Amino acid sequence: FRSKGVACPMNYVKTKLRMEEMEPGERIEVILDDGDPITNVPQSLKGDGQKILLQEKIDPEHHRIVVEKVN
């Protein structure tokens, strides 16, 4: 799921909506821009009770996170 070029908080909203379609235990990979998105999206997902399995920088401007739906 690519959320590159999407401003906060819409990248979080789009990720959350996608996760609502998933079953607990399923995982999603999200590509985020550097800056506010990589700071805010994982923090908000953790606040929702989701599990961040991986967070890594994939190039100078983008990050990849892997999230497991918990609830």
C-alpha atoms as a PDB file:
ATOM      1  CA  PHE A   1       0.000   0.000   0.000  1.00  0.00           C
ATOM      2  CA  ARG A   2       1.621   3.236  -1.098  1.00  0.00           C
ATOM      3  CA  SER A   3       0.967   6.432   0.761  1.00  0.00           C
ATOM      4  CA  LYS A   4       3.759   8.441  -0.860  1.00  0.00           C
ATOM      5  CA  GLY A   5       2.952  12.077  -1.467  1.00  0.00           C
ATOM      6  CA  VAL A   6      -0.120  11.955   0.766  1.00  0.00           C
ATOM      7  CA  ALA A   7      -0.240  14.672   3.430  1.00  0.00           C
ATOM      8  CA  CYS A   8      -0.866  14.019   7.107  1.00  0.00           C
ATOM      9  CA  PRO A   9      -3.346  13.046   8.415  1.00  0.00           C
ATOM     10  CA  MET A  10      -4.777  11.566   5.197  1.00  0.00           C
ATOM     11  CA  ASN A  11      -2.045   8.920   4.974  1.00  0.00           C
ATOM     12  CA  TYR A  12      -3.074   7.661   8.426  1.00  0.00           C
ATOM     13  CA  VAL A  13      -6.775   7.792   7.494  1.00  0.00           C
ATOM     14  CA  LYS A  14      -6.161   5.812   4.286  1.00  0.00           C
ATOM     15  CA  THR A  15      -4.097   3.219   6.172  1.00  0.00           C
ATOM     16  CA  LYS A  16      -6.719   2.901   8.903  1.00  0.00           C
ATOM     17  CA  LEU A  17      -9.532   2.469   6.355  1.00  0.00           C
ATOM     18  CA  ARG A  18      -7.556  -0.243   4.567  1.00  0.00           C
ATOM     19  CA  MET A  19      -6.906  -2.008   7.882  1.00  0.00           C
ATOM     20  CA  GLU A  20     -10.621  -1.982   8.741  1.00  0.00           C
ATOM     21  CA  GLU A  21     -11.104  -4.411   5.832  1.00  0.00           C
ATOM     22  CA  MET A  22      -8.506  -6.811   7.268  1.00  0.00           C
ATOM     23  CA  GLU A  23      -8.865  -9.659   9.762  1.00  0.00           C
ATOM     24  CA  PRO A  24      -6.849  -9.763  13.014  1.00  0.00           C
ATOM     25  CA  GLY A  25      -3.423 -11.264  12.324  1.00  0.00           C
ATOM     26  CA  GLU A  26      -3.246  -9.966   8.749  1.00  0.00           C
ATOM     27  CA  ARG A  27      -0.368  -7.678   7.816  1.00  0.00           C
ATOM     28  CA  ILE A  28      -0.059  -4.632   5.603  1.00  0.00           C
ATOM     29  CA  GLU A  29       3.019  -2.945   4.187  1.00  0.00           C
ATOM     30  CA  VAL A  30       2.822   0.850   3.921  1.00  0.00           C
ATOM     31  CA  ILE A  31       5.289   3.138   2.125  1.00  0.00           C
ATOM     32  CA  LEU A  32       5.444   6.588   3.736  1.00  0.00           C
ATOM     33  CA  ASP A  33       7.262   9.845   3.069  1.00  0.00           C
ATOM     34  CA  ASP A  34      10.005  11.089   5.361  1.00  0.00           C
ATOM     35  CA  GLY A  35       9.096  13.705   7.991  1.00  0.00           C
ATOM     36  CA  ASP A  36       5.670  13.922   9.631  1.00  0.00           C
ATOM     37  CA  PRO A  37       4.205  10.798   7.954  1.00  0.00           C
ATOM     38  CA  ILE A  38       6.829   8.389   9.312  1.00  0.00           C
ATOM     39  CA  THR A  39       6.559  10.002  12.730  1.00  0.00           C
ATOM     40  CA  ASN A  40       2.781  10.270  12.970  1.00  0.00           C
ATOM     41  CA  VAL A  41       1.368   7.235  11.156  1.00  0.00           C
ATOM     42  CA  PRO A  42       3.152   4.508  13.200  1.00  0.00           C
ATOM     43  CA  GLN A  43       2.461   6.407  16.424  1.00  0.00           C
ATOM     44  CA  SER A  44      -1.249   6.717  15.588  1.00  0.00           C
ATOM     45  CA  LEU A  45      -1.512   3.050  14.587  1.00  0.00           C
ATOM     46  CA  LYS A  46       0.137   1.997  17.859  1.00  0.00           C
ATOM     47  CA  GLY A  47      -2.350   4.246  19.666  1.00  0.00           C
ATOM     48  CA  ASP A  48      -5.122   2.288  17.925  1.00  0.00           C
ATOM     49  CA  GLY A  49      -3.657  -0.917  19.365  1.00  0.00           C
ATOM     50  CA  GLN A  50      -2.039  -2.171  16.144  1.00  0.00           C
ATOM     51  CA  LYS A  51       1.398  -3.808  16.104  1.00  0.00           C
ATOM     52  CA  ILE A  52       4.274  -2.279  14.119  1.00  0.00           C
ATOM     53  CA  LEU A  53       6.453  -5.218  13.043  1.00  0.00           C
ATOM     54  CA  LEU A  54       8.976  -3.344  10.911  1.00  0.00           C
ATOM     55  CA  GLN A  55       9.960   0.233  10.275  1.00  0.00           C
ATOM     56  CA  GLU A  56      12.830   0.930   7.894  1.00  0.00           C
ATOM     57  CA  LYS A  57      14.151   3.644   5.624  1.00  0.00           C
ATOM     58  CA  ILE A  58      14.111   2.419   2.016  1.00  0.00           C
ATOM     59  CA  ASP A  59      15.609   5.491   0.347  1.00  0.00           C
ATOM     60  CA  PRO A  60      16.437   9.079   1.373  1.00  0.00           C
ATOM     61  CA  GLU A  61      12.795  10.195   1.189  1.00  0.00           C
ATOM     62  CA  HIS A  62      10.706   7.093   1.998  1.00  0.00           C
ATOM     63  CA  HIS A  63      10.116   4.539   4.728  1.00  0.00           C
ATOM     64  CA  ARG A  64       8.400   1.175   4.849  1.00  0.00           C
ATOM     65  CA  ILE A  65       6.373  -0.066   7.773  1.00  0.00           C
ATOM     66  CA  VAL A  66       4.739  -3.438   8.234  1.00  0.00           C
ATOM     67  CA  VAL A  67       1.718  -3.434  10.515  1.00  0.00           C
ATOM     68  CA  GLU A  68      -0.175  -6.403  11.943  1.00  0.00           C
ATOM     69  CA  LYS A  69      -3.839  -5.903  12.704  1.00  0.00           C
ATOM     70  CA  VAL A  70      -4.476  -6.753  16.326  1.00  0.00           C
ATOM     71  CA  ASN A  71      -8.085  -5.661  16.726  1.00  0.00           C
END
